[in-house]
N, C-alpha and C. Protein backbone atom coordinates (compact mmCIF):
# COMPACT_ATOMS: atom_id res chain seq x y z
N MET A 1 0.85 -1.19 0.00
CA MET A 1 0.00 0.03 -0.02
C MET A 1 0.89 1.21 -0.03
N ALA A 2 0.59 2.17 -0.82
CA ALA A 2 1.35 3.37 -0.84
C ALA A 2 0.47 4.58 -0.43
N SER A 3 1.08 5.55 0.24
CA SER A 3 0.38 6.67 0.77
C SER A 3 1.23 7.91 0.75
N GLY A 4 0.58 9.04 0.79
CA GLY A 4 1.28 10.35 0.93
C GLY A 4 0.24 11.41 0.64
N LEU A 5 0.71 12.66 0.74
CA LEU A 5 -0.14 13.79 0.44
C LEU A 5 -0.61 13.77 -0.99
N SER A 6 -1.92 13.87 -1.25
CA SER A 6 -2.41 13.84 -2.56
C SER A 6 -2.51 15.29 -3.06
N LYS A 7 -1.93 15.61 -4.16
CA LYS A 7 -2.04 16.96 -4.70
C LYS A 7 -3.49 17.32 -4.98
N ARG A 8 -4.23 16.44 -5.68
CA ARG A 8 -5.56 16.71 -6.05
C ARG A 8 -6.47 16.86 -4.87
N LEU A 9 -6.29 15.88 -3.89
CA LEU A 9 -7.21 15.85 -2.77
C LEU A 9 -6.78 16.89 -1.69
N GLY A 10 -5.52 17.22 -1.63
CA GLY A 10 -4.99 18.22 -0.67
C GLY A 10 -4.76 17.66 0.70
N ARG A 11 -4.78 16.35 0.89
CA ARG A 11 -4.51 15.68 2.17
C ARG A 11 -4.11 14.24 1.87
N ASP A 12 -3.62 13.62 2.88
CA ASP A 12 -3.14 12.18 2.82
C ASP A 12 -4.39 11.30 2.73
N LYS A 13 -4.51 10.55 1.67
CA LYS A 13 -5.62 9.62 1.46
C LYS A 13 -5.66 8.55 2.54
N ALA A 14 -4.51 8.15 2.96
CA ALA A 14 -4.41 7.07 3.95
C ALA A 14 -5.06 7.43 5.31
N LEU A 15 -5.14 8.75 5.59
CA LEU A 15 -5.61 9.16 6.87
C LEU A 15 -7.10 9.49 6.83
N ILE A 16 -7.74 9.26 5.69
CA ILE A 16 -9.22 9.46 5.64
C ILE A 16 -9.91 8.57 6.65
N GLU A 17 -10.74 9.13 7.51
CA GLU A 17 -11.38 8.34 8.52
C GLU A 17 -12.58 7.50 7.97
N VAL A 18 -12.52 6.17 8.17
CA VAL A 18 -13.59 5.28 7.76
C VAL A 18 -13.87 4.36 8.98
N GLY A 19 -15.12 4.32 9.37
CA GLY A 19 -15.47 3.45 10.46
C GLY A 19 -14.78 3.81 11.75
N GLY A 20 -14.41 5.10 11.95
CA GLY A 20 -13.73 5.51 13.17
C GLY A 20 -12.24 5.33 13.20
N ARG A 21 -11.60 5.02 12.09
CA ARG A 21 -10.19 4.86 12.05
C ARG A 21 -9.63 5.25 10.63
N PRO A 22 -8.34 5.45 10.54
CA PRO A 22 -7.78 5.79 9.20
C PRO A 22 -7.92 4.59 8.25
N LEU A 23 -8.15 4.98 6.99
CA LEU A 23 -8.22 3.95 5.90
C LEU A 23 -7.07 3.07 5.87
N VAL A 24 -5.85 3.61 6.02
CA VAL A 24 -4.65 2.76 6.00
C VAL A 24 -4.67 1.67 7.14
N SER A 25 -5.25 2.04 8.32
CA SER A 25 -5.39 1.05 9.39
C SER A 25 -6.36 -0.05 9.04
N ALA A 26 -7.49 0.32 8.50
CA ALA A 26 -8.46 -0.64 8.10
C ALA A 26 -7.91 -1.60 7.06
N MET A 27 -7.22 -1.04 6.03
CA MET A 27 -6.69 -1.89 4.98
C MET A 27 -5.47 -2.79 5.46
N ALA A 28 -4.67 -2.24 6.31
CA ALA A 28 -3.59 -3.01 6.89
C ALA A 28 -4.10 -4.17 7.73
N GLN A 29 -5.13 -3.88 8.51
CA GLN A 29 -5.68 -4.97 9.38
C GLN A 29 -6.33 -6.06 8.43
N MET A 30 -7.10 -5.62 7.38
CA MET A 30 -7.77 -6.63 6.51
C MET A 30 -6.73 -7.50 5.83
N MET A 31 -5.62 -6.85 5.37
CA MET A 31 -4.63 -7.68 4.64
C MET A 31 -3.85 -8.61 5.58
N SER A 32 -3.62 -8.14 6.81
CA SER A 32 -3.01 -8.94 7.85
C SER A 32 -3.92 -10.13 8.22
N ASN A 33 -5.16 -9.83 8.31
CA ASN A 33 -6.18 -10.90 8.64
C ASN A 33 -6.14 -12.02 7.59
N HIS A 34 -5.66 -11.68 6.36
CA HIS A 34 -5.59 -12.69 5.31
C HIS A 34 -4.28 -13.44 5.38
N GLY A 35 -3.52 -13.16 6.40
CA GLY A 35 -2.17 -13.85 6.56
C GLY A 35 -1.02 -13.24 5.74
N LEU A 36 -1.24 -12.05 5.22
CA LEU A 36 -0.20 -11.42 4.43
C LEU A 36 0.73 -10.64 5.27
N ARG A 37 2.05 -10.61 4.91
CA ARG A 37 2.99 -9.71 5.45
C ARG A 37 2.79 -8.34 4.78
N VAL A 38 2.54 -7.34 5.49
CA VAL A 38 2.07 -6.10 4.93
C VAL A 38 3.16 -5.03 5.09
N CYS A 39 3.32 -4.24 4.00
CA CYS A 39 4.22 -3.14 4.04
C CYS A 39 3.47 -1.90 3.55
N VAL A 40 3.43 -0.82 4.30
CA VAL A 40 2.77 0.37 3.89
C VAL A 40 3.89 1.38 3.52
N VAL A 41 3.90 1.83 2.24
CA VAL A 41 4.83 2.79 1.72
C VAL A 41 4.18 4.11 1.91
N SER A 42 4.84 5.07 2.60
CA SER A 42 4.33 6.39 2.68
C SER A 42 5.41 7.42 2.76
N SER A 43 5.03 8.66 2.78
CA SER A 43 6.04 9.72 2.94
C SER A 43 6.11 10.19 4.38
N ASN A 44 5.39 9.50 5.24
CA ASN A 44 5.32 9.89 6.67
C ASN A 44 5.57 8.63 7.60
N GLN A 45 6.17 8.89 8.75
CA GLN A 45 6.22 7.85 9.74
C GLN A 45 5.08 8.21 10.66
N TRP A 46 4.17 7.26 10.91
CA TRP A 46 3.03 7.51 11.74
C TRP A 46 3.22 6.96 13.14
N ASP A 47 2.61 7.58 14.12
CA ASP A 47 2.60 7.14 15.46
C ASP A 47 1.57 5.93 15.53
N GLU A 48 2.12 4.81 15.94
CA GLU A 48 1.31 3.53 15.95
C GLU A 48 0.07 3.70 16.89
N GLY A 49 0.18 4.56 17.85
CA GLY A 49 -1.00 4.81 18.70
C GLY A 49 -2.09 5.54 18.02
N LEU A 50 -1.75 6.39 17.01
CA LEU A 50 -2.76 7.19 16.31
C LEU A 50 -3.14 6.46 15.01
N VAL A 51 -2.19 5.80 14.35
CA VAL A 51 -2.45 5.09 13.09
C VAL A 51 -1.92 3.69 13.17
N PRO A 52 -2.77 2.81 13.74
CA PRO A 52 -2.31 1.38 13.98
C PRO A 52 -2.13 0.73 12.59
N LEU A 53 -1.03 0.00 12.47
CA LEU A 53 -0.74 -0.69 11.21
C LEU A 53 -0.76 -2.19 11.36
N PHE A 54 -1.03 -2.73 12.57
CA PHE A 54 -1.27 -4.12 12.79
C PHE A 54 -0.11 -4.98 12.34
N GLY A 55 1.09 -4.50 12.76
CA GLY A 55 2.36 -5.26 12.40
C GLY A 55 2.90 -4.95 11.11
N ALA A 56 2.25 -4.11 10.31
CA ALA A 56 2.77 -3.80 8.98
C ALA A 56 4.10 -2.99 9.09
N ILE A 57 4.99 -3.12 8.13
CA ILE A 57 6.19 -2.33 8.01
C ILE A 57 5.75 -0.96 7.51
N ASN A 58 6.20 0.11 8.08
CA ASN A 58 5.88 1.51 7.60
C ASN A 58 7.18 1.94 6.97
N CYS A 59 7.25 1.74 5.63
CA CYS A 59 8.41 2.06 4.82
C CYS A 59 8.27 3.52 4.32
N ILE A 60 9.27 4.35 4.61
CA ILE A 60 9.23 5.70 4.18
C ILE A 60 9.86 5.85 2.76
N ASN A 61 9.16 6.42 1.83
CA ASN A 61 9.70 6.73 0.52
C ASN A 61 10.20 8.18 0.58
N PRO A 62 11.49 8.41 0.59
CA PRO A 62 11.98 9.74 0.68
C PRO A 62 11.78 10.59 -0.59
N ASN A 63 11.37 9.97 -1.67
CA ASN A 63 11.21 10.68 -2.93
C ASN A 63 9.95 10.26 -3.63
N PRO A 64 8.78 10.42 -3.02
CA PRO A 64 7.53 9.92 -3.63
C PRO A 64 7.19 10.62 -4.97
N GLU A 65 7.66 11.74 -5.19
CA GLU A 65 7.38 12.41 -6.49
C GLU A 65 8.13 11.83 -7.67
N SER A 66 9.04 10.85 -7.38
CA SER A 66 9.78 10.20 -8.49
C SER A 66 8.91 9.22 -9.29
N GLY A 67 7.75 8.82 -8.70
CA GLY A 67 6.84 7.95 -9.42
C GLY A 67 6.33 6.78 -8.59
N ARG A 68 5.23 6.23 -8.98
CA ARG A 68 4.59 5.11 -8.26
C ARG A 68 5.42 3.89 -8.26
N THR A 69 6.16 3.64 -9.37
CA THR A 69 7.05 2.42 -9.36
C THR A 69 8.13 2.61 -8.35
N GLY A 70 8.59 3.84 -8.11
CA GLY A 70 9.59 4.12 -7.07
C GLY A 70 9.02 3.73 -5.69
N SER A 71 7.75 4.03 -5.49
CA SER A 71 7.16 3.62 -4.20
C SER A 71 7.04 2.12 -4.09
N ILE A 72 6.68 1.45 -5.18
CA ILE A 72 6.63 0.01 -5.14
C ILE A 72 7.99 -0.55 -4.87
N LYS A 73 9.03 -0.04 -5.49
CA LYS A 73 10.39 -0.47 -5.26
C LYS A 73 10.80 -0.32 -3.78
N CYS A 74 10.39 0.76 -3.14
CA CYS A 74 10.69 0.96 -1.74
C CYS A 74 10.04 -0.18 -0.91
N GLY A 75 8.79 -0.46 -1.18
CA GLY A 75 8.12 -1.52 -0.46
C GLY A 75 8.68 -2.90 -0.68
N LEU A 76 9.10 -3.16 -1.95
CA LEU A 76 9.70 -4.44 -2.26
C LEU A 76 11.00 -4.60 -1.56
N SER A 77 11.73 -3.59 -1.52
CA SER A 77 13.05 -3.58 -0.81
C SER A 77 12.87 -3.86 0.67
N ALA A 78 11.87 -3.13 1.30
CA ALA A 78 11.56 -3.31 2.74
C ALA A 78 11.12 -4.73 3.01
N LEU A 79 10.50 -5.40 2.07
CA LEU A 79 10.03 -6.74 2.22
C LEU A 79 11.12 -7.81 1.89
N GLY A 80 12.29 -7.35 1.38
CA GLY A 80 13.37 -8.25 1.05
C GLY A 80 13.26 -8.85 -0.33
N TRP A 81 12.61 -8.10 -1.25
CA TRP A 81 12.42 -8.48 -2.65
C TRP A 81 11.80 -9.87 -2.76
N PRO A 82 10.51 -9.98 -2.28
CA PRO A 82 9.85 -11.31 -2.43
C PRO A 82 9.63 -11.68 -3.87
N LYS A 83 9.39 -12.97 -4.13
CA LYS A 83 9.11 -13.41 -5.49
C LYS A 83 7.69 -13.09 -5.99
N ARG A 84 6.81 -12.88 -5.08
CA ARG A 84 5.41 -12.54 -5.40
C ARG A 84 4.94 -11.48 -4.38
N VAL A 85 4.17 -10.55 -4.86
CA VAL A 85 3.68 -9.50 -3.98
C VAL A 85 2.38 -8.98 -4.50
N ILE A 86 1.48 -8.57 -3.61
CA ILE A 86 0.20 -7.94 -3.98
C ILE A 86 0.40 -6.48 -3.77
N VAL A 87 0.16 -5.69 -4.78
CA VAL A 87 0.16 -4.17 -4.61
C VAL A 87 -1.20 -3.71 -4.56
N ALA A 88 -1.54 -3.06 -3.45
CA ALA A 88 -2.93 -2.52 -3.27
C ALA A 88 -2.83 -1.04 -2.94
N PRO A 89 -3.07 -0.19 -3.92
CA PRO A 89 -3.04 1.24 -3.67
C PRO A 89 -4.15 1.66 -2.66
N ILE A 90 -3.78 2.54 -1.73
CA ILE A 90 -4.69 2.93 -0.67
C ILE A 90 -5.92 3.70 -1.25
N ASP A 91 -5.74 4.28 -2.40
CA ASP A 91 -6.92 5.00 -2.98
C ASP A 91 -7.80 4.16 -3.83
N ARG A 92 -7.56 2.83 -3.83
CA ARG A 92 -8.43 1.91 -4.56
C ARG A 92 -8.92 0.77 -3.62
N PRO A 93 -9.72 1.14 -2.64
CA PRO A 93 -10.08 0.10 -1.56
C PRO A 93 -11.33 -0.76 -1.86
N GLY A 94 -11.84 -0.70 -3.15
CA GLY A 94 -13.14 -1.29 -3.44
C GLY A 94 -13.15 -2.77 -3.78
N PHE A 95 -12.00 -3.42 -3.51
CA PHE A 95 -11.95 -4.88 -3.76
C PHE A 95 -12.39 -5.70 -2.56
N SER A 96 -12.77 -6.94 -2.76
CA SER A 96 -13.38 -7.77 -1.72
C SER A 96 -12.31 -8.82 -1.22
N SER A 97 -12.66 -9.39 -0.07
CA SER A 97 -11.83 -10.49 0.44
C SER A 97 -11.73 -11.67 -0.55
N GLU A 98 -12.81 -11.95 -1.25
CA GLU A 98 -12.82 -12.98 -2.24
C GLU A 98 -11.81 -12.71 -3.37
N THR A 99 -11.77 -11.45 -3.78
CA THR A 99 -10.77 -11.10 -4.83
C THR A 99 -9.37 -11.12 -4.28
N LEU A 100 -9.16 -10.70 -3.06
CA LEU A 100 -7.83 -10.85 -2.46
C LEU A 100 -7.37 -12.32 -2.39
N ARG A 101 -8.28 -13.21 -1.98
CA ARG A 101 -7.98 -14.62 -1.94
C ARG A 101 -7.59 -15.16 -3.25
N ARG A 102 -8.29 -14.78 -4.30
CA ARG A 102 -7.90 -15.23 -5.64
C ARG A 102 -6.57 -14.72 -6.08
N LEU A 103 -6.19 -13.53 -5.68
CA LEU A 103 -4.85 -13.05 -5.97
C LEU A 103 -3.78 -13.80 -5.13
N ILE A 104 -4.08 -14.11 -3.91
CA ILE A 104 -3.15 -14.85 -3.08
C ILE A 104 -2.87 -16.21 -3.70
N ASP A 105 -3.93 -16.86 -4.26
CA ASP A 105 -3.81 -18.15 -4.85
C ASP A 105 -3.20 -18.17 -6.23
N SER A 106 -3.09 -17.03 -6.85
CA SER A 106 -2.59 -16.93 -8.26
C SER A 106 -1.10 -17.19 -8.29
N LYS A 107 -0.61 -17.82 -9.29
CA LYS A 107 0.83 -18.10 -9.56
C LYS A 107 1.39 -17.15 -10.56
N ILE A 108 0.52 -16.40 -11.30
CA ILE A 108 1.03 -15.49 -12.37
C ILE A 108 0.58 -14.04 -12.10
N CYS A 109 1.23 -13.11 -12.72
CA CYS A 109 0.88 -11.76 -12.57
C CYS A 109 -0.61 -11.60 -13.00
N THR A 110 -1.44 -11.06 -12.08
CA THR A 110 -2.87 -11.05 -12.33
C THR A 110 -3.57 -9.86 -11.57
N CYS A 111 -4.69 -9.46 -12.09
CA CYS A 111 -5.52 -8.44 -11.41
C CYS A 111 -6.97 -8.72 -11.66
N PRO A 112 -7.87 -8.16 -10.85
CA PRO A 112 -9.31 -8.31 -11.04
C PRO A 112 -9.74 -7.40 -12.15
N SER A 113 -10.88 -7.76 -12.73
CA SER A 113 -11.50 -7.01 -13.80
C SER A 113 -13.01 -6.99 -13.53
N ASN A 114 -13.65 -5.90 -13.82
CA ASN A 114 -15.07 -5.79 -13.62
C ASN A 114 -15.58 -5.10 -14.90
N GLY A 115 -16.45 -5.84 -15.66
CA GLY A 115 -16.99 -5.25 -16.89
C GLY A 115 -15.95 -5.04 -17.92
N GLY A 116 -14.90 -5.87 -17.94
CA GLY A 116 -13.83 -5.80 -18.91
C GLY A 116 -12.77 -4.77 -18.60
N ARG A 117 -12.89 -4.14 -17.45
CA ARG A 117 -11.96 -3.08 -17.09
C ARG A 117 -11.06 -3.59 -15.91
N GLY A 118 -9.77 -3.55 -16.08
CA GLY A 118 -8.84 -4.03 -15.08
C GLY A 118 -8.86 -3.13 -13.90
N GLY A 119 -8.50 -3.69 -12.76
CA GLY A 119 -8.50 -2.93 -11.51
C GLY A 119 -7.38 -3.30 -10.58
N HIS A 120 -7.60 -2.99 -9.30
CA HIS A 120 -6.60 -3.24 -8.26
C HIS A 120 -7.24 -4.05 -7.15
N PRO A 121 -6.44 -4.77 -6.41
CA PRO A 121 -4.98 -4.84 -6.37
C PRO A 121 -4.47 -5.68 -7.55
N ILE A 122 -3.14 -5.79 -7.56
CA ILE A 122 -2.46 -6.57 -8.61
C ILE A 122 -1.45 -7.48 -7.98
N LEU A 123 -1.38 -8.71 -8.40
CA LEU A 123 -0.38 -9.63 -7.93
C LEU A 123 0.79 -9.53 -8.94
N LEU A 124 1.96 -9.17 -8.45
CA LEU A 124 3.16 -9.23 -9.28
C LEU A 124 3.87 -10.54 -9.01
N ASP A 125 4.09 -11.32 -10.14
CA ASP A 125 4.86 -12.59 -10.01
C ASP A 125 6.35 -12.27 -10.09
N GLU A 126 7.19 -13.30 -10.05
CA GLU A 126 8.64 -13.09 -9.97
C GLU A 126 9.11 -12.25 -11.16
N SER A 127 8.70 -12.53 -12.30
CA SER A 127 9.21 -11.74 -13.44
C SER A 127 8.75 -10.28 -13.40
N ALA A 128 7.56 -10.05 -12.88
CA ALA A 128 7.08 -8.63 -12.76
C ALA A 128 7.87 -7.88 -11.67
N VAL A 129 8.15 -8.63 -10.56
CA VAL A 129 9.00 -8.06 -9.49
C VAL A 129 10.36 -7.68 -9.98
N GLU A 130 10.95 -8.57 -10.80
CA GLU A 130 12.24 -8.21 -11.38
C GLU A 130 12.18 -7.08 -12.30
N ALA A 131 11.10 -6.97 -13.07
CA ALA A 131 10.99 -5.84 -14.01
C ALA A 131 10.86 -4.51 -13.19
N VAL A 132 10.12 -4.51 -12.11
CA VAL A 132 10.02 -3.36 -11.27
C VAL A 132 11.43 -3.03 -10.62
N ARG A 133 12.11 -4.02 -10.23
CA ARG A 133 13.41 -3.82 -9.58
C ARG A 133 14.39 -3.12 -10.54
N ASN A 134 14.29 -3.43 -11.80
CA ASN A 134 15.26 -2.98 -12.80
C ASN A 134 14.78 -1.68 -13.55
N ALA A 135 13.56 -1.21 -13.22
CA ALA A 135 12.99 -0.02 -13.87
C ALA A 135 13.27 1.25 -13.19
N PRO A 136 13.39 2.34 -13.93
CA PRO A 136 13.38 3.70 -13.32
C PRO A 136 12.12 3.90 -12.50
N PRO A 137 12.17 4.68 -11.51
CA PRO A 137 11.00 4.87 -10.55
C PRO A 137 9.76 5.52 -11.21
N ASP A 138 9.99 6.22 -12.35
CA ASP A 138 8.86 6.88 -12.97
C ASP A 138 8.22 6.01 -14.06
N THR A 139 8.72 4.79 -14.26
CA THR A 139 8.09 3.90 -15.28
C THR A 139 6.69 3.45 -14.84
N PRO A 140 5.70 3.64 -15.68
CA PRO A 140 4.37 3.16 -15.30
C PRO A 140 4.39 1.63 -15.17
N LEU A 141 3.72 1.12 -14.13
CA LEU A 141 3.62 -0.35 -13.95
C LEU A 141 3.06 -1.04 -15.14
N ARG A 142 2.10 -0.43 -15.88
CA ARG A 142 1.55 -1.04 -17.02
C ARG A 142 2.56 -1.29 -18.20
N ASP A 143 3.72 -0.59 -18.15
CA ASP A 143 4.76 -0.78 -19.09
C ASP A 143 5.73 -1.91 -18.60
N LEU A 144 5.55 -2.40 -17.39
CA LEU A 144 6.48 -3.44 -16.92
C LEU A 144 5.86 -4.80 -16.85
N CYS A 145 4.53 -4.87 -16.89
CA CYS A 145 3.89 -6.23 -16.86
C CYS A 145 2.47 -6.11 -17.45
N THR A 146 2.00 -7.24 -17.92
CA THR A 146 0.65 -7.35 -18.48
C THR A 146 -0.02 -8.43 -17.68
N PRO A 147 -0.79 -8.01 -16.62
CA PRO A 147 -1.46 -8.95 -15.76
C PRO A 147 -2.62 -9.70 -16.49
N HIS A 148 -2.67 -10.98 -16.19
CA HIS A 148 -3.84 -11.78 -16.59
C HIS A 148 -5.06 -11.24 -15.76
N ARG A 149 -6.20 -11.07 -16.37
CA ARG A 149 -7.37 -10.51 -15.70
C ARG A 149 -8.38 -11.68 -15.41
N PHE A 150 -8.99 -11.54 -14.25
CA PHE A 150 -10.11 -12.44 -13.93
C PHE A 150 -11.30 -11.56 -13.50
N GLU A 151 -12.48 -11.95 -13.91
CA GLU A 151 -13.67 -11.22 -13.73
C GLU A 151 -14.14 -11.36 -12.26
N VAL A 152 -14.52 -10.23 -11.65
CA VAL A 152 -15.07 -10.27 -10.27
C VAL A 152 -16.37 -9.44 -10.21
N GLU A 153 -17.07 -9.60 -9.21
CA GLU A 153 -18.36 -8.87 -9.00
C GLU A 153 -18.26 -7.78 -8.01
N ASP A 154 -17.03 -7.35 -7.69
CA ASP A 154 -16.81 -6.29 -6.73
C ASP A 154 -17.46 -5.01 -7.25
N CYS A 155 -18.59 -4.63 -6.71
CA CYS A 155 -19.31 -3.47 -7.24
C CYS A 155 -18.66 -2.12 -6.97
N HIS A 156 -17.66 -2.08 -6.08
CA HIS A 156 -16.99 -0.82 -5.79
C HIS A 156 -15.55 -0.78 -6.32
N MET A 157 -15.20 -1.76 -7.19
CA MET A 157 -13.84 -1.87 -7.62
C MET A 157 -13.38 -0.64 -8.37
N SER A 158 -14.17 0.03 -9.03
CA SER A 158 -13.76 1.26 -9.76
C SER A 158 -13.60 2.53 -8.92
N LEU A 159 -13.93 2.40 -7.65
CA LEU A 159 -13.76 3.58 -6.71
C LEU A 159 -12.34 3.95 -6.72
N ASN A 160 -12.07 5.26 -6.98
CA ASN A 160 -10.71 5.81 -7.02
C ASN A 160 -10.79 7.10 -6.24
N ILE A 161 -10.17 7.23 -5.07
CA ILE A 161 -10.29 8.41 -4.24
C ILE A 161 -9.27 9.45 -4.66
N ASP A 162 -9.76 10.45 -5.36
CA ASP A 162 -8.92 11.57 -5.82
C ASP A 162 -9.47 12.91 -5.43
N THR A 163 -10.75 13.02 -5.15
CA THR A 163 -11.36 14.29 -4.84
C THR A 163 -12.24 14.15 -3.57
N GLU A 164 -12.73 15.31 -3.05
CA GLU A 164 -13.67 15.22 -1.93
C GLU A 164 -14.95 14.52 -2.24
N ASP A 165 -15.39 14.65 -3.51
CA ASP A 165 -16.61 13.90 -3.94
C ASP A 165 -16.32 12.40 -3.84
N ASP A 166 -15.13 11.96 -4.21
CA ASP A 166 -14.79 10.52 -4.11
C ASP A 166 -14.76 10.13 -2.63
N VAL A 167 -14.28 11.03 -1.76
CA VAL A 167 -14.28 10.72 -0.34
C VAL A 167 -15.67 10.50 0.15
N GLN A 168 -16.59 11.36 -0.30
CA GLN A 168 -18.01 11.20 0.11
C GLN A 168 -18.61 9.86 -0.37
N ILE A 169 -18.21 9.46 -1.61
CA ILE A 169 -18.70 8.18 -2.10
C ILE A 169 -18.10 7.07 -1.25
N LEU A 170 -16.81 7.16 -0.89
CA LEU A 170 -16.17 6.12 0.00
C LEU A 170 -16.94 6.07 1.26
N MET A 171 -17.29 7.20 1.87
CA MET A 171 -18.03 7.24 3.13
C MET A 171 -19.41 6.51 3.03
N SER A 172 -20.09 6.83 1.93
CA SER A 172 -21.40 6.20 1.74
C SER A 172 -21.29 4.70 1.44
N LYS A 173 -20.24 4.30 0.80
CA LYS A 173 -20.11 2.84 0.44
C LYS A 173 -19.26 2.05 1.49
N TRP A 174 -18.67 2.75 2.46
CA TRP A 174 -17.81 2.10 3.40
C TRP A 174 -18.42 0.81 4.11
N PRO A 175 -19.68 0.87 4.59
CA PRO A 175 -20.23 -0.34 5.20
C PRO A 175 -20.17 -1.50 4.29
N ASP A 176 -20.47 -1.30 2.96
CA ASP A 176 -20.46 -2.46 2.07
C ASP A 176 -19.01 -2.94 1.81
N ILE A 177 -18.10 -1.91 1.66
CA ILE A 177 -16.68 -2.32 1.37
C ILE A 177 -16.13 -3.06 2.59
N GLU A 178 -16.35 -2.53 3.80
CA GLU A 178 -15.81 -3.20 5.01
C GLU A 178 -16.45 -4.61 5.19
N SER A 179 -17.71 -4.72 4.85
CA SER A 179 -18.39 -6.00 5.01
C SER A 179 -17.74 -7.02 3.98
N SER A 180 -17.38 -6.51 2.82
CA SER A 180 -16.77 -7.44 1.79
C SER A 180 -15.35 -7.86 2.16
N TRP A 181 -14.75 -7.16 3.17
CA TRP A 181 -13.41 -7.48 3.54
C TRP A 181 -13.39 -8.55 4.68
N LYS A 182 -14.46 -9.01 5.12
CA LYS A 182 -14.57 -10.03 6.15
C LYS A 182 -13.78 -11.28 5.68
N VAL A 183 -13.00 -11.84 6.58
CA VAL A 183 -12.25 -13.07 6.27
C VAL A 183 -13.09 -14.24 6.66
N HIS A 184 -13.32 -15.12 5.74
CA HIS A 184 -14.14 -16.33 6.00
C HIS A 184 -13.18 -17.48 6.02
N THR A 185 -13.20 -18.29 7.04
CA THR A 185 -12.26 -19.43 7.11
C THR A 185 -12.65 -20.47 6.10
N HIS A 186 -13.96 -20.54 5.75
CA HIS A 186 -14.38 -21.48 4.73
C HIS A 186 -15.11 -20.74 3.72
N PRO A 187 -14.50 -20.52 2.47
CA PRO A 187 -15.14 -19.67 1.44
C PRO A 187 -16.57 -20.07 1.14
N GLU A 188 -16.92 -21.33 1.26
CA GLU A 188 -18.31 -21.75 0.93
C GLU A 188 -19.34 -21.15 1.93
N GLN A 189 -18.85 -20.60 3.08
CA GLN A 189 -19.79 -20.04 4.01
C GLN A 189 -20.12 -18.60 3.72
N GLN A 190 -19.71 -18.06 2.64
CA GLN A 190 -19.97 -16.67 2.33
C GLN A 190 -21.39 -16.40 2.01
């Protein structure tokens, strides 16, 4: 997850309050609940008492303006350059637990799609991780890998938090999004 001051929004998207806590806390907890080792890439070091990260690494990107791939590189380095990683932008929280499980189970670079339109998060496989490692920080991720797409029914997947109007949409949809993040020990019980 990457975070920092948004020029369009005028504030840090990660600190938007949802359900009484920062969005980054909610997302870090959800991903940790899925058994993932989580790294939050940001331009700030947060006080764990104010912004709980549930064991996530808080990796500081000293040069976030260099590009999103640079932020991904910071996170991959903090994680020890794993062979597979799920990249989940903080401003794209509309994916479900079911979608995350499908990404966890995937062996190839893949991302969800809804109505033929690709979305987030994205699983980077070993070759995509290497492509990111060797790329300049301003290289768009789409130039480094071509993820296989799988169709999902996540009705909020296209939510992209860039403006105050988007924040209001997030607030109105938050109960549904948070509910879709519930971890089920047996998928057939959903």
